[in-house]
N, C-alpha and C. Protein backbone atom coordinates (compact mmCIF):
# COMPACT_ATOMS: atom_id res chain seq x y z
N MET A 1 -62.18 192.11 34.91
CA MET A 1 -63.47 192.57 35.39
C MET A 1 -64.10 193.46 34.33
N SER A 2 -65.40 193.25 34.17
CA SER A 2 -66.18 194.08 33.27
C SER A 2 -67.44 194.52 34.02
N ILE A 3 -67.78 195.81 33.90
CA ILE A 3 -68.98 196.33 34.54
C ILE A 3 -69.75 197.16 33.52
N THR A 4 -71.02 196.78 33.33
CA THR A 4 -71.90 197.60 32.50
C THR A 4 -73.00 198.16 33.39
N GLU A 5 -73.49 199.32 33.02
CA GLU A 5 -74.48 200.02 33.84
C GLU A 5 -75.73 200.33 33.04
N ASN A 6 -76.88 200.08 33.66
CA ASN A 6 -78.18 200.44 33.10
C ASN A 6 -78.97 201.16 34.18
N ARG A 7 -79.87 202.04 33.76
CA ARG A 7 -80.69 202.80 34.71
C ARG A 7 -82.16 202.66 34.33
N GLU A 8 -82.98 202.49 35.39
CA GLU A 8 -84.43 202.38 35.19
C GLU A 8 -85.13 203.00 36.39
N ASP A 9 -85.75 204.16 36.24
CA ASP A 9 -86.58 204.78 37.26
C ASP A 9 -85.95 204.79 38.65
N GLY A 10 -84.78 205.38 38.80
CA GLY A 10 -84.13 205.47 40.11
C GLY A 10 -83.35 204.25 40.51
N CYS A 11 -83.38 203.23 39.67
CA CYS A 11 -82.65 201.99 39.94
C CYS A 11 -81.42 201.94 39.03
N VAL A 12 -80.27 201.69 39.62
CA VAL A 12 -79.06 201.48 38.83
C VAL A 12 -78.73 200.00 38.87
N ILE A 13 -78.55 199.42 37.70
CA ILE A 13 -78.22 198.00 37.59
C ILE A 13 -76.80 197.88 37.06
N LEU A 14 -75.91 197.29 37.89
CA LEU A 14 -74.54 197.04 37.48
C LEU A 14 -74.42 195.55 37.17
N THR A 15 -74.01 195.23 35.96
CA THR A 15 -73.76 193.84 35.59
C THR A 15 -72.26 193.63 35.63
N VAL A 16 -71.84 192.75 36.54
CA VAL A 16 -70.41 192.56 36.80
C VAL A 16 -70.01 191.17 36.35
N SER A 17 -68.90 191.08 35.63
CA SER A 17 -68.41 189.77 35.21
C SER A 17 -66.89 189.72 35.33
N GLY A 18 -66.38 188.50 35.29
CA GLY A 18 -64.93 188.29 35.38
C GLY A 18 -64.50 188.05 36.82
N GLU A 19 -63.37 188.64 37.18
CA GLU A 19 -62.79 188.48 38.51
C GLU A 19 -62.52 189.84 39.14
N ILE A 20 -62.76 189.93 40.44
CA ILE A 20 -62.41 191.14 41.18
C ILE A 20 -61.44 190.72 42.27
N ASP A 21 -60.25 191.31 42.24
CA ASP A 21 -59.22 190.97 43.21
C ASP A 21 -58.45 192.23 43.57
N GLY A 22 -57.32 192.08 44.19
CA GLY A 22 -56.52 193.23 44.63
C GLY A 22 -56.08 194.14 43.50
N THR A 23 -56.03 193.65 42.28
CA THR A 23 -55.56 194.48 41.17
C THR A 23 -56.62 195.44 40.66
N ASN A 24 -57.91 195.14 40.90
CA ASN A 24 -58.97 196.00 40.37
C ASN A 24 -60.05 196.35 41.38
N VAL A 25 -59.84 196.01 42.66
CA VAL A 25 -60.85 196.28 43.68
C VAL A 25 -61.10 197.78 43.85
N ASP A 26 -60.07 198.61 43.70
CA ASP A 26 -60.26 200.06 43.83
C ASP A 26 -61.20 200.60 42.76
N GLU A 27 -61.01 200.14 41.54
CA GLU A 27 -61.88 200.56 40.43
C GLU A 27 -63.32 200.09 40.70
N PHE A 28 -63.47 198.86 41.19
CA PHE A 28 -64.80 198.33 41.51
C PHE A 28 -65.46 199.17 42.60
N GLU A 29 -64.74 199.48 43.66
CA GLU A 29 -65.29 200.28 44.76
C GLU A 29 -65.75 201.65 44.28
N GLU A 30 -64.97 202.28 43.40
CA GLU A 30 -65.35 203.60 42.87
C GLU A 30 -66.65 203.52 42.10
N LYS A 31 -66.78 202.52 41.22
CA LYS A 31 -68.00 202.39 40.42
C LYS A 31 -69.20 202.04 41.30
N LEU A 32 -68.97 201.19 42.29
CA LEU A 32 -70.02 200.79 43.21
C LEU A 32 -70.52 201.98 44.02
N ALA A 33 -69.61 202.77 44.56
CA ALA A 33 -69.97 203.94 45.36
C ALA A 33 -70.69 204.99 44.52
N LYS A 34 -70.21 205.23 43.31
CA LYS A 34 -70.84 206.20 42.43
C LYS A 34 -72.27 205.79 42.09
N ALA A 35 -72.43 204.54 41.72
CA ALA A 35 -73.76 204.03 41.37
C ALA A 35 -74.68 204.11 42.59
N GLY A 36 -74.18 203.73 43.75
CA GLY A 36 -74.98 203.77 44.97
C GLY A 36 -75.42 205.16 45.34
N SER A 37 -74.55 206.14 45.09
CA SER A 37 -74.91 207.53 45.43
C SER A 37 -75.95 208.10 44.49
N GLU A 38 -76.09 207.52 43.32
CA GLU A 38 -77.02 208.03 42.31
C GLU A 38 -78.32 207.24 42.23
N ALA A 39 -78.46 206.20 43.06
CA ALA A 39 -79.60 205.30 42.94
C ALA A 39 -80.43 205.26 44.22
N ASP A 40 -81.73 205.03 44.05
CA ASP A 40 -82.57 204.69 45.18
C ASP A 40 -82.45 203.19 45.46
N GLU A 41 -82.23 202.45 44.39
CA GLU A 41 -82.01 201.01 44.49
C GLU A 41 -80.83 200.64 43.60
N LEU A 42 -79.92 199.85 44.13
CA LEU A 42 -78.76 199.39 43.38
C LEU A 42 -78.85 197.88 43.26
N VAL A 43 -78.87 197.39 42.02
CA VAL A 43 -78.95 195.96 41.74
C VAL A 43 -77.62 195.55 41.13
N LEU A 44 -77.01 194.54 41.72
CA LEU A 44 -75.76 193.99 41.18
C LEU A 44 -76.06 192.63 40.57
N GLU A 45 -75.97 192.56 39.27
CA GLU A 45 -76.17 191.31 38.53
C GLU A 45 -74.82 190.62 38.47
N LEU A 46 -74.70 189.46 39.15
CA LEU A 46 -73.39 188.83 39.32
C LEU A 46 -73.28 187.48 38.61
N GLY A 47 -74.13 187.21 37.64
CA GLY A 47 -74.12 185.93 36.93
C GLY A 47 -72.83 185.63 36.19
N GLY A 48 -72.06 186.66 35.86
CA GLY A 48 -70.81 186.44 35.15
C GLY A 48 -69.58 186.60 36.01
N LEU A 49 -69.79 186.81 37.32
CA LEU A 49 -68.67 187.01 38.24
C LEU A 49 -68.19 185.65 38.72
N VAL A 50 -66.93 185.32 38.46
CA VAL A 50 -66.43 183.98 38.78
C VAL A 50 -65.50 183.96 39.99
N TYR A 51 -64.98 185.12 40.40
CA TYR A 51 -64.06 185.13 41.54
C TYR A 51 -64.07 186.50 42.20
N ILE A 52 -64.03 186.50 43.55
CA ILE A 52 -63.82 187.73 44.31
C ILE A 52 -62.81 187.45 45.41
N SER A 53 -61.99 188.42 45.70
CA SER A 53 -61.05 188.29 46.80
C SER A 53 -61.72 188.79 48.09
N SER A 54 -61.07 188.58 49.20
CA SER A 54 -61.64 189.00 50.49
C SER A 54 -61.83 190.51 50.56
N ALA A 55 -61.01 191.27 49.85
CA ALA A 55 -61.15 192.73 49.85
C ALA A 55 -62.50 193.16 49.28
N VAL A 56 -63.02 192.39 48.38
CA VAL A 56 -64.29 192.73 47.74
C VAL A 56 -65.46 192.52 48.71
N LEU A 57 -65.33 191.59 49.62
CA LEU A 57 -66.38 191.36 50.61
C LEU A 57 -66.65 192.63 51.40
N ARG A 58 -65.58 193.30 51.80
CA ARG A 58 -65.71 194.55 52.54
C ARG A 58 -66.42 195.60 51.68
N SER A 59 -66.11 195.64 50.40
CA SER A 59 -66.74 196.61 49.49
C SER A 59 -68.25 196.40 49.43
N PHE A 60 -68.67 195.16 49.25
CA PHE A 60 -70.10 194.84 49.21
C PHE A 60 -70.78 195.25 50.52
N HIS A 61 -70.17 194.84 51.63
CA HIS A 61 -70.78 195.12 52.94
C HIS A 61 -70.86 196.61 53.22
N GLN A 62 -69.79 197.34 52.96
CA GLN A 62 -69.78 198.77 53.23
C GLN A 62 -70.82 199.51 52.39
N GLN A 63 -70.93 199.14 51.11
CA GLN A 63 -71.91 199.82 50.24
C GLN A 63 -73.32 199.50 50.69
N GLN A 64 -73.58 198.25 51.06
CA GLN A 64 -74.93 197.91 51.53
C GLN A 64 -75.26 198.69 52.80
N LYS A 65 -74.32 198.76 53.71
CA LYS A 65 -74.52 199.49 54.97
C LYS A 65 -74.79 200.97 54.71
N THR A 66 -74.01 201.58 53.83
CA THR A 66 -74.20 202.99 53.47
C THR A 66 -75.58 203.23 52.90
N MET A 67 -76.00 202.36 51.99
CA MET A 67 -77.30 202.53 51.36
C MET A 67 -78.43 202.35 52.36
N GLN A 68 -78.32 201.38 53.25
CA GLN A 68 -79.34 201.17 54.26
C GLN A 68 -79.47 202.39 55.17
N GLU A 69 -78.36 202.98 55.53
CA GLU A 69 -78.38 204.18 56.37
C GLU A 69 -79.09 205.33 55.69
N GLN A 70 -79.10 205.34 54.36
CA GLN A 70 -79.74 206.40 53.59
C GLN A 70 -81.17 206.02 53.17
N GLY A 71 -81.64 204.89 53.67
CA GLY A 71 -82.99 204.43 53.32
C GLY A 71 -83.09 203.87 51.92
N LYS A 72 -81.98 203.44 51.38
CA LYS A 72 -81.92 202.87 50.03
C LYS A 72 -81.71 201.36 50.11
N ARG A 73 -81.76 200.72 48.96
CA ARG A 73 -81.65 199.27 48.91
C ARG A 73 -80.55 198.85 47.94
N MET A 74 -79.78 197.83 48.32
CA MET A 74 -78.82 197.19 47.43
C MET A 74 -79.11 195.69 47.47
N VAL A 75 -79.20 195.09 46.30
CA VAL A 75 -79.49 193.66 46.21
C VAL A 75 -78.56 193.01 45.18
N LEU A 76 -78.12 191.80 45.51
CA LEU A 76 -77.28 191.01 44.62
C LEU A 76 -78.13 189.94 43.98
N ARG A 77 -78.02 189.80 42.66
CA ARG A 77 -78.83 188.82 41.92
C ARG A 77 -77.94 187.92 41.09
N HIS A 78 -78.47 186.73 40.82
CA HIS A 78 -77.82 185.76 39.94
C HIS A 78 -76.38 185.47 40.36
N VAL A 79 -76.18 185.29 41.65
CA VAL A 79 -74.84 185.04 42.18
C VAL A 79 -74.40 183.64 41.77
N THR A 80 -73.21 183.55 41.20
CA THR A 80 -72.69 182.25 40.77
C THR A 80 -72.38 181.37 41.98
N LYS A 81 -72.32 180.08 41.75
CA LYS A 81 -72.02 179.14 42.81
C LYS A 81 -70.68 179.45 43.46
N GLU A 82 -69.68 179.79 42.65
CA GLU A 82 -68.35 180.08 43.17
C GLU A 82 -68.37 181.26 44.15
N VAL A 83 -69.06 182.31 43.77
CA VAL A 83 -69.13 183.50 44.61
C VAL A 83 -70.04 183.24 45.82
N MET A 84 -71.14 182.53 45.62
CA MET A 84 -72.03 182.20 46.74
C MET A 84 -71.29 181.35 47.78
N ASP A 85 -70.44 180.45 47.33
CA ASP A 85 -69.65 179.66 48.26
C ASP A 85 -68.77 180.54 49.14
N ILE A 86 -68.19 181.58 48.54
CA ILE A 86 -67.35 182.53 49.31
C ILE A 86 -68.22 183.29 50.31
N PHE A 87 -69.38 183.76 49.88
CA PHE A 87 -70.30 184.46 50.80
C PHE A 87 -70.71 183.55 51.97
N THR A 88 -70.97 182.28 51.67
CA THR A 88 -71.42 181.35 52.68
C THR A 88 -70.31 181.03 53.69
N VAL A 89 -69.14 180.70 53.20
CA VAL A 89 -68.02 180.34 54.08
C VAL A 89 -67.61 181.49 55.00
N THR A 90 -67.69 182.71 54.48
CA THR A 90 -67.26 183.89 55.26
C THR A 90 -68.39 184.47 56.13
N GLY A 91 -69.61 183.98 55.97
CA GLY A 91 -70.73 184.49 56.73
C GLY A 91 -71.38 185.72 56.12
N PHE A 92 -70.87 186.18 54.99
CA PHE A 92 -71.45 187.37 54.36
C PHE A 92 -72.82 187.11 53.77
N VAL A 93 -73.19 185.84 53.62
CA VAL A 93 -74.52 185.51 53.12
C VAL A 93 -75.59 186.05 54.08
N ARG A 94 -75.24 186.22 55.35
CA ARG A 94 -76.18 186.76 56.34
C ARG A 94 -76.16 188.29 56.38
N LEU A 95 -75.13 188.90 55.81
CA LEU A 95 -74.99 190.37 55.86
C LEU A 95 -75.48 191.07 54.61
N LEU A 96 -75.54 190.37 53.52
CA LEU A 96 -75.90 190.96 52.23
C LEU A 96 -77.30 190.52 51.82
N GLU A 97 -77.99 191.38 51.07
CA GLU A 97 -79.30 191.00 50.52
C GLU A 97 -79.06 190.32 49.19
N ILE A 98 -79.34 189.03 49.18
CA ILE A 98 -79.08 188.21 47.99
C ILE A 98 -80.39 187.57 47.55
N GLU A 99 -80.76 187.81 46.30
CA GLU A 99 -81.97 187.18 45.74
C GLU A 99 -81.57 185.90 45.05
N GLU A 100 -82.31 184.86 45.32
CA GLU A 100 -82.05 183.57 44.67
C GLU A 100 -82.41 183.68 43.20
N SER A 101 -81.67 182.98 42.37
CA SER A 101 -81.94 182.99 40.92
C SER A 101 -83.09 182.10 40.60
């Protein structure tokens, strides 16, 4: 897993690539929570993300829920087919804000 961060006027953009699974989900959750706490809008660029485990689904959902409760926005962009298939099969496609590429 690789995560790079950029900031633009209250927006934090995390570009995530590689795989997120049980071995690195804790690190991902920490970076996601930190970025979410510092942003009015959190954008996750997922064009390079090729695999996520079920544990990561909870991370996405919890962060989106937290941000919504604070009046903030989290959006997922450029989701790969592999990851979108996981979101679709698990029903998370209805729970997360996903922008079509």
